[in-house]
Amino acid sequence: MSKKYFTAGPAELYPKFSEFLQEFVDKQLGSISHRSGDFKKIYQHTDEQLRILLGIPEENAIMFTGSASEIWEKSIQSLVEFESFHLVNGSFSEKYYQYALALQKTAKAFKKPLGEGFTYSEIEVPEYAEMVCITQNETSTGVQMREADIHKLKRSNAHKLFSIDIVSSAPIPTLDFKLMDSVFFSVQKNFGMPAGLGVWIANEKCLEKAVSLKEKGLSIGAHHDLPTLWKNAKNYQNPSTPNVMGIFLLGKIAEDMNKTGIDTIRKTNASNAKKIYQHFENKEGYEIFVKDPDLRSKTVAVINTSSPSSHLIQKLKAENMIIGSGYGPGKDNQIRIANFISTSTEDIEALLEKI
């Protein structure tokens, strides 16, 4: 019996991953030049399918990097001259903030205790912040920020750039890409692929800011800055040899998701999330970490365990069900269950029954 992964990334591979990978191999696409017409067709197909799936405006650029962590750095380099503002409530939002400090920006943070989230009414964006950095779904703690709150915050600070990390939630959030400036994710979670590809979606305001910083003689990165990535992306190209296989597979998976329909995918995701949280609501020996139901992640459920989490993790592993431990401080007394697209309702129900 093969293993079933409920881990928060890398995660369960997409059901048709092997089929799409075999197509890539059969067509010898791993050997084509990234300057060829064949590659441009691959890039264009993935670009088009992601626009359909996420509702991305035509004027925005879709650019590819090696990871989402790389985009943390590139977004700060390209879009912030002096000051950024970060909402921090977990390990990954903290890392985005730390990247800004490492790049010697005057980064400021509004921090919440682990397990707590942010709402629009309590956030005051500093006057001199050029960019607001939000981790929409904090993978380490299972806390989400509601799309409506993000949209309200942006409308109240329309003159500032907003950069949204949706690494462990894309394509589930219903973000308004006409409103957002910079949005990014990686593929090893909800898209059910191996790690090694980051996707950066940015608008023309981001391009203008990056160009203005460059014209001032400021460094915005030596390795593929935003204007360079943008120029190539608009021609379905990449500045240097990219992850051709990752781009191809992402396009095929996005196309398959579009056949199902994003509304159907989101409804299934919400239903499965409800099953998970209801299961642990009053279950002896367990406690849902995030107390506010509205701020509980739809894709990564974090559950406290009264006994060491390793006991349950090992028992489930023996049944070929792989779940994750807590992250950082919660490693020993929490479990994390991924509710990603590759995990079916039947998979979720089987896991909960076994627990």
Protein backbone atom coordinates (compact mmCIF):
# COMPACT_ATOMS: atom_id res chain seq x y z
CA MET A 1 0.00 0.00 0.00
CA SER A 2 1.41 3.39 -0.99
CA LYS A 3 1.76 6.19 1.52
CA LYS A 4 -0.77 9.01 1.69
CA TYR A 5 0.73 12.38 2.58
CA PHE A 6 -1.19 14.92 4.66
CA THR A 7 1.95 17.02 5.20
CA ALA A 8 2.05 20.80 4.74
CA GLY A 9 4.69 20.70 2.00
CA PRO A 10 6.20 18.94 0.24
CA ALA A 11 2.83 17.29 0.10
CA GLU A 12 0.78 14.64 -1.67
CA LEU A 13 1.49 14.73 -5.40
CA TYR A 14 -1.31 15.80 -7.72
CA PRO A 15 -3.38 12.75 -8.85
CA LYS A 16 -2.34 13.16 -12.50
CA PHE A 17 1.26 14.12 -11.73
CA SER A 18 2.71 10.84 -13.09
CA GLU A 19 0.70 11.16 -16.30
CA PHE A 20 1.87 14.73 -16.90
CA LEU A 21 5.46 13.85 -15.99
CA GLN A 22 5.45 10.97 -18.47
CA GLU A 23 4.23 13.34 -21.18
CA PHE A 24 7.15 15.67 -20.38
CA VAL A 25 9.59 12.77 -20.67
CA ASP A 26 8.02 11.29 -23.82
CA LYS A 27 8.23 14.64 -25.60
CA GLN A 28 11.89 15.07 -24.50
CA LEU A 29 11.05 18.52 -23.19
CA GLY A 30 13.89 18.37 -20.68
CA SER A 31 16.31 18.81 -23.56
CA ILE A 32 14.79 21.80 -25.33
CA SER A 33 16.39 25.24 -25.28
CA HIS A 34 14.77 27.81 -23.03
CA ARG A 35 15.09 30.22 -25.97
CA SER A 36 13.14 27.94 -28.31
CA GLY A 37 9.62 28.35 -29.60
CA ASP A 38 8.69 25.10 -27.84
CA PHE A 39 9.59 26.59 -24.46
CA LYS A 40 7.68 29.78 -25.19
CA LYS A 41 4.60 27.65 -25.86
CA ILE A 42 5.05 25.92 -22.49
CA TYR A 43 5.43 29.25 -20.66
CA GLN A 44 2.46 30.76 -22.50
CA HIS A 45 0.23 27.77 -21.71
CA THR A 46 1.08 27.94 -18.01
CA ASP A 47 0.62 31.71 -18.00
CA GLU A 48 -2.82 31.41 -19.61
CA GLN A 49 -4.02 28.63 -17.30
CA LEU A 50 -2.93 30.46 -14.15
CA ARG A 51 -4.73 33.61 -15.31
CA ILE A 52 -7.94 31.61 -15.72
CA LEU A 53 -7.52 29.80 -12.40
CA LEU A 54 -6.72 32.83 -10.27
CA GLY A 55 -8.33 35.66 -12.23
CA ILE A 56 -5.07 37.45 -13.01
CA PRO A 57 -5.38 40.59 -15.19
CA GLU A 58 -3.64 40.56 -18.56
CA GLU A 59 -1.47 43.56 -17.68
CA ASN A 60 0.13 41.76 -14.72
CA ALA A 61 3.28 39.72 -15.26
CA ILE A 62 3.60 36.08 -14.17
CA MET A 63 7.26 35.37 -13.43
CA PHE A 64 9.06 32.21 -12.34
CA THR A 65 11.81 31.84 -9.73
CA GLY A 66 13.43 28.95 -7.89
CA SER A 67 11.28 29.29 -4.76
CA ALA A 68 8.93 31.56 -2.85
CA SER A 69 11.74 32.34 -0.40
CA GLU A 70 13.59 33.89 -3.31
CA ILE A 71 10.59 36.15 -3.89
CA TRP A 72 10.74 37.34 -0.28
CA GLU A 73 14.16 38.73 -1.12
CA LYS A 74 13.40 39.98 -4.62
CA SER A 75 10.21 41.76 -3.58
CA ILE A 76 12.03 43.67 -0.83
CA GLN A 77 14.96 44.51 -3.11
CA SER A 78 12.81 45.67 -6.00
CA LEU A 79 9.94 47.39 -4.20
CA VAL A 80 11.32 48.97 -1.02
CA GLU A 81 13.78 51.84 -0.87
CA PHE A 82 13.59 52.58 2.86
CA GLU A 83 10.74 51.00 4.82
CA SER A 84 8.45 47.96 4.75
CA PHE A 85 5.68 46.91 7.13
CA HIS A 86 5.01 43.28 8.09
CA LEU A 87 2.16 41.44 9.77
CA VAL A 88 3.89 38.71 11.77
CA ASN A 89 2.19 35.83 13.57
CA GLY A 90 4.34 32.78 12.82
CA SER A 91 7.62 31.48 11.52
CA PHE A 92 7.12 32.28 7.83
CA SER A 93 5.77 35.79 8.24
CA GLU A 94 8.70 36.34 10.64
CA LYS A 95 11.14 35.16 7.98
CA TYR A 96 9.75 37.64 5.43
CA TYR A 97 10.30 40.37 8.04
CA GLN A 98 13.83 39.13 8.77
CA TYR A 99 14.69 39.20 5.05
CA ALA A 100 13.84 42.91 5.03
CA LEU A 101 16.08 43.53 8.04
CA ALA A 102 18.90 41.54 6.43
CA LEU A 103 18.59 43.79 3.38
CA GLN A 104 19.05 46.73 5.75
CA LYS A 105 15.58 48.20 5.31
CA THR A 106 13.78 50.02 8.11
CA ALA A 107 11.36 47.14 8.52
CA LYS A 108 8.56 47.47 11.05
CA ALA A 109 6.29 44.68 12.26
CA PHE A 110 2.92 44.33 13.95
CA LYS A 111 3.31 41.03 15.82
CA LYS A 112 0.67 38.73 17.27
CA PRO A 113 1.12 35.66 19.52
CA LEU A 114 1.23 32.30 17.75
CA GLY A 115 -2.26 31.10 16.90
CA GLU A 116 -3.72 34.59 16.61
CA GLY A 117 -4.54 36.43 13.41
CA PHE A 118 -5.16 39.91 12.06
CA THR A 119 -8.32 41.82 11.27
CA TYR A 120 -8.63 45.05 9.33
CA SER A 121 -9.80 47.27 12.18
CA GLU A 122 -6.74 46.71 14.39
CA ILE A 123 -4.02 47.39 11.80
CA GLU A 124 -2.37 50.79 11.50
CA VAL A 125 0.05 50.97 8.61
CA PRO A 126 3.04 53.23 9.36
CA GLU A 127 3.03 56.50 7.43
CA TYR A 128 6.38 55.94 5.74
CA ALA A 129 5.97 52.26 4.88
CA GLU A 130 6.33 51.76 1.13
CA MET A 131 5.12 48.18 1.11
CA VAL A 132 2.82 46.10 3.33
CA CYS A 133 3.84 42.43 3.53
CA ILE A 134 1.14 39.94 4.47
CA THR A 135 1.35 36.17 4.88
CA GLN A 136 -2.24 35.30 4.03
CA ASN A 137 -1.91 31.74 5.31
CA GLU A 138 0.68 31.18 8.05
CA THR A 139 1.78 27.59 7.45
CA SER A 140 3.46 27.23 10.84
CA THR A 141 0.41 28.05 12.95
CA GLY A 142 -2.63 27.40 10.74
CA VAL A 143 -3.87 31.00 10.82
CA GLN A 144 -5.34 32.75 7.79
CA MET A 145 -6.11 36.40 7.11
CA ARG A 146 -9.48 36.85 5.47
CA GLU A 147 -9.41 38.14 1.92
CA ALA A 148 -12.00 40.83 2.78
CA ASP A 149 -9.68 42.24 5.46
CA ILE A 150 -6.76 42.31 3.04
CA HIS A 151 -8.87 44.09 0.43
CA LYS A 152 -10.11 46.67 2.96
CA LEU A 153 -6.58 47.32 4.18
CA LYS A 154 -5.35 47.87 0.63
CA ARG A 155 -8.20 50.22 -0.22
CA SER A 156 -7.41 52.24 2.91
CA ASN A 157 -3.75 52.41 1.87
CA ALA A 158 -4.12 52.60 -1.89
CA HIS A 159 -0.87 54.53 -2.39
CA LYS A 160 1.21 51.76 -0.77
CA LEU A 161 2.30 48.54 -2.44
CA PHE A 162 0.94 45.28 -1.03
CA SER A 163 2.85 41.99 -1.25
CA ILE A 164 0.85 38.88 -0.36
CA ASP A 165 2.34 35.47 0.42
CA ILE A 166 -0.15 32.71 -0.51
CA VAL A 167 2.40 29.88 -0.53
CA SER A 168 0.31 27.34 1.37
CA SER A 169 -3.13 28.50 0.30
CA ALA A 170 -3.01 29.20 -3.47
CA PRO A 171 -5.27 28.80 -5.41
CA ILE A 172 -7.93 28.73 -2.66
CA PRO A 173 -8.04 32.43 -1.59
CA THR A 174 -10.40 34.67 -3.58
CA LEU A 175 -7.93 37.53 -3.82
CA ASP A 176 -8.72 40.45 -6.11
CA PHE A 177 -5.65 40.54 -8.35
CA LYS A 178 -6.76 43.87 -9.78
CA LEU A 179 -6.28 45.30 -6.31
CA MET A 180 -3.16 43.45 -5.17
CA ASP A 181 0.28 44.56 -6.34
CA SER A 182 2.52 41.57 -5.64
CA VAL A 183 1.32 38.02 -4.94
CA PHE A 184 3.46 34.90 -4.83
CA PHE A 185 3.43 31.18 -4.08
CA SER A 186 5.39 27.99 -4.61
CA VAL A 187 4.19 24.70 -6.03
CA GLN A 188 4.98 22.00 -3.44
CA LYS A 189 1.78 22.45 -1.46
CA ASN A 190 -1.70 22.85 -2.99
CA PHE A 191 -0.45 22.30 -6.53
CA GLY A 192 0.90 18.87 -5.62
CA MET A 193 4.34 19.18 -7.22
CA PRO A 194 7.92 18.66 -6.03
CA ALA A 195 9.58 21.81 -4.70
CA GLY A 196 11.72 24.01 -6.92
CA LEU A 197 9.45 26.59 -8.54
CA GLY A 198 8.23 29.95 -7.27
CA VAL A 199 5.51 31.99 -9.00
CA TRP A 200 5.50 35.79 -8.71
CA ILE A 201 2.55 37.83 -9.97
CA ALA A 202 3.12 41.58 -10.04
CA ASN A 203 1.39 44.63 -11.50
CA GLU A 204 2.68 47.67 -13.34
CA LYS A 205 2.98 49.69 -10.13
CA CYS A 206 5.60 47.21 -8.97
CA LEU A 207 7.47 47.54 -12.25
CA GLU A 208 7.42 51.33 -12.02
CA LYS A 209 8.77 51.26 -8.47
CA ALA A 210 11.57 48.83 -9.36
CA VAL A 211 12.58 50.87 -12.40
CA SER A 212 12.60 54.09 -10.35
CA LEU A 213 14.91 52.53 -7.73
CA LYS A 214 17.21 51.25 -10.45
CA GLU A 215 17.33 54.66 -12.12
CA LYS A 216 18.42 56.15 -8.78
CA GLY A 217 21.46 53.91 -8.95
CA LEU A 218 20.25 51.61 -6.17
CA SER A 219 20.88 47.88 -6.29
CA ILE A 220 17.69 45.87 -6.67
CA GLY A 221 19.49 42.53 -7.02
CA ALA A 222 22.20 41.14 -9.24
CA HIS A 223 20.33 37.94 -10.15
CA HIS A 224 17.24 38.65 -12.24
CA ASP A 225 15.65 41.74 -10.76
CA LEU A 226 11.97 42.46 -11.29
CA PRO A 227 12.34 44.58 -14.47
CA THR A 228 14.45 41.82 -16.05
CA LEU A 229 12.01 39.08 -15.09
CA TRP A 230 9.10 41.25 -16.27
CA LYS A 231 10.61 41.98 -19.68
CA ASN A 232 11.22 38.30 -20.33
CA ALA A 233 7.87 37.15 -18.93
CA LYS A 234 5.96 39.39 -21.32
CA ASN A 235 7.68 37.47 -24.13
CA TYR A 236 7.08 34.09 -22.42
CA GLN A 237 10.76 33.80 -21.60
CA ASN A 238 13.06 33.66 -18.59
CA PRO A 239 16.40 35.50 -18.22
CA SER A 240 18.32 32.22 -17.73
CA THR A 241 17.56 28.51 -17.89
CA PRO A 242 14.48 28.00 -15.69
CA ASN A 243 12.80 24.94 -14.21
CA VAL A 244 11.26 23.90 -17.53
CA MET A 245 9.77 20.72 -16.09
CA GLY A 246 8.17 22.62 -13.20
CA ILE A 247 6.66 25.24 -15.49
CA PHE A 248 5.29 22.53 -17.81
CA LEU A 249 3.79 20.49 -14.96
CA LEU A 250 2.27 23.58 -13.33
CA GLY A 251 0.56 24.45 -16.61
CA LYS A 252 -0.88 20.96 -16.98
CA ILE A 253 -2.08 20.87 -13.36
CA ALA A 254 -3.62 24.36 -13.59
CA GLU A 255 -5.38 23.31 -16.80
CA ASP A 256 -6.75 20.20 -15.07
CA MET A 257 -7.95 22.32 -12.15
CA ASN A 258 -9.68 24.65 -14.59
CA LYS A 259 -11.55 21.66 -16.03
CA THR A 260 -12.88 20.93 -12.55
CA GLY A 261 -13.54 24.62 -11.92
CA ILE A 262 -12.08 26.78 -9.18
CA ASP A 263 -15.48 27.27 -7.52
CA THR A 264 -15.89 23.50 -7.17
CA ILE A 265 -12.34 23.16 -5.84
CA ARG A 266 -12.92 25.87 -3.24
CA LYS A 267 -16.24 24.36 -2.10
CA THR A 268 -14.62 20.94 -1.64
CA ASN A 269 -11.74 22.51 0.24
CA ALA A 270 -14.12 24.37 2.59
CA SER A 271 -16.17 21.23 3.20
CA ASN A 272 -13.09 19.16 4.03
CA ALA A 273 -11.74 21.88 6.33
CA LYS A 274 -15.06 21.86 8.19
CA LYS A 275 -14.83 18.07 8.62
CA ILE A 276 -11.33 18.34 10.09
CA TYR A 277 -12.14 21.08 12.58
CA GLN A 278 -15.45 19.52 13.64
CA HIS A 279 -13.67 16.23 14.30
CA PHE A 280 -11.32 17.84 16.83
CA GLU A 281 -13.80 20.35 18.30
CA ASN A 282 -14.61 18.29 21.38
CA LYS A 283 -12.29 15.31 20.97
CA GLU A 284 -10.57 14.25 24.17
CA GLY A 285 -6.81 14.67 24.06
CA TYR A 286 -6.92 17.26 21.27
CA GLU A 287 -7.54 20.99 20.95
CA ILE A 288 -7.75 23.23 17.90
CA PHE A 289 -4.85 25.66 18.14
CA VAL A 290 -6.53 28.65 16.45
CA LYS A 291 -9.44 29.72 18.63
CA ASP A 292 -11.21 32.09 16.22
CA PRO A 293 -13.06 29.93 13.62
CA ASP A 294 -12.94 32.75 11.05
CA LEU A 295 -9.14 32.83 11.20
CA ARG A 296 -8.55 29.08 10.94
CA SER A 297 -6.69 28.10 7.80
CA LYS A 298 -8.66 26.21 5.19
CA THR A 299 -5.54 24.40 4.01
CA VAL A 300 -3.36 23.69 7.09
CA ALA A 301 -5.10 22.65 10.31
CA VAL A 302 -2.97 22.85 13.46
CA ILE A 303 -4.11 20.73 16.40
CA ASN A 304 -2.71 20.60 19.93
CA THR A 305 -2.12 17.11 21.38
CA SER A 306 -2.16 16.33 25.11
CA SER A 307 0.47 13.62 24.66
CA PRO A 308 3.64 13.93 22.53
CA SER A 309 2.56 14.38 18.92
CA SER A 310 5.27 11.94 17.79
CA HIS A 311 3.21 9.05 19.23
CA LEU A 312 0.27 9.70 16.93
CA ILE A 313 2.53 10.55 13.98
CA GLN A 314 4.34 7.19 14.28
CA LYS A 315 1.11 5.20 14.68
CA LEU A 316 -0.36 6.79 11.57
CA LYS A 317 2.90 6.27 9.68
CA ALA A 318 2.55 2.55 10.35
CA GLU A 319 -0.81 2.81 8.57
CA ASN A 320 0.89 4.64 5.63
CA MET A 321 -0.72 7.95 6.62
CA ILE A 322 1.87 10.70 6.91
CA ILE A 323 0.97 13.81 8.89
CA GLY A 324 3.25 16.61 10.04
CA SER A 325 4.37 17.68 13.48
CA GLY A 326 3.97 21.22 14.72
CA TYR A 327 6.44 23.82 13.49
CA GLY A 328 9.06 25.42 15.73
CA PRO A 329 7.74 25.84 19.30
CA GLY A 330 4.82 23.50 18.54
CA LYS A 331 6.91 20.63 17.21
CA ASP A 332 6.41 18.29 20.17
CA ASN A 333 2.78 18.94 21.08
CA GLN A 334 1.03 19.74 17.82
CA ILE A 335 0.12 18.03 14.57
CA ARG A 336 -0.44 19.73 11.22
CA ILE A 337 -2.89 18.26 8.72
CA ALA A 338 -2.80 19.59 5.17
CA ASN A 339 -6.13 19.95 3.40
CA PHE A 340 -4.72 20.35 -0.08
CA ILE A 341 -6.37 19.76 -3.44
CA SER A 342 -4.54 16.45 -4.00
CA THR A 343 -6.11 15.04 -0.84
CA SER A 344 -9.63 13.79 -1.52
CA THR A 345 -12.62 13.90 0.80
CA GLU A 346 -12.29 10.12 1.15
CA ASP A 347 -8.65 10.53 2.20
CA ILE A 348 -9.58 13.08 4.85
CA GLU A 349 -12.40 10.92 6.20
CA ALA A 350 -10.13 7.85 6.35
CA LEU A 351 -7.49 9.80 8.28
CA LEU A 352 -9.98 11.19 10.78
CA GLU A 353 -11.49 7.75 11.31
CA LYS A 354 -8.04 6.30 12.01
CA ILE A 355 -7.24 9.09 14.48
